[in-house]
Amino acid sequence: KKESPVMSFWMAAAVIVGVILVAQLPVQNHDQRDGVEEAKISLADISPEMAEVELYYSEKIEAEQVRVQSSFPDVNESLNVQLATLESNYEELKRELGASDGDERVVRWMVENYRLRLQLLEMHMERIEESNKNRLENEKSN
């Protein structure tokens, strides 16, 4: 399937907006309170279903990162920054989940964070594949 440049632009814009929105999520102040740091909990701590969601996304993200890295070892710095930002936001959400006693909104934000990371990696891989395809077509025509 071939995407138009306009569609690729809008997909990239959607991911960037998502990254910005996740970065702006209302997170409680996590300073140490009375010398005790708040506990972080993961989706797996919520329910067996959430454990499956967490495992699914973790495996897909890891596989896509390996795929991107093996296809293009000099991974784009922008991609690394965006992924690091999302991962940092996820750590904050884990603290928020612990502080909020499993608030469903925080769970949704955590799943959305995973979804955004996977989408970002998939879009990057699509660009690499398209670039490789164009390079091969140019080499054949020369």
Foldseek 3Di string as FASTA:
>chain_A
DDDDPVVLVVLVVVLVVLLVVLLPDDFDDQDDDPNHGFDFDALVVVDVVSVVLVVVLVVLLVVLVVVLCVLPVVDDVVLVVSLVSLVVSLRRLRSRCRVVVNPPVSSVSNSSSSVSSNSSSVSSVVVSVVVVVVVVVVVVVD
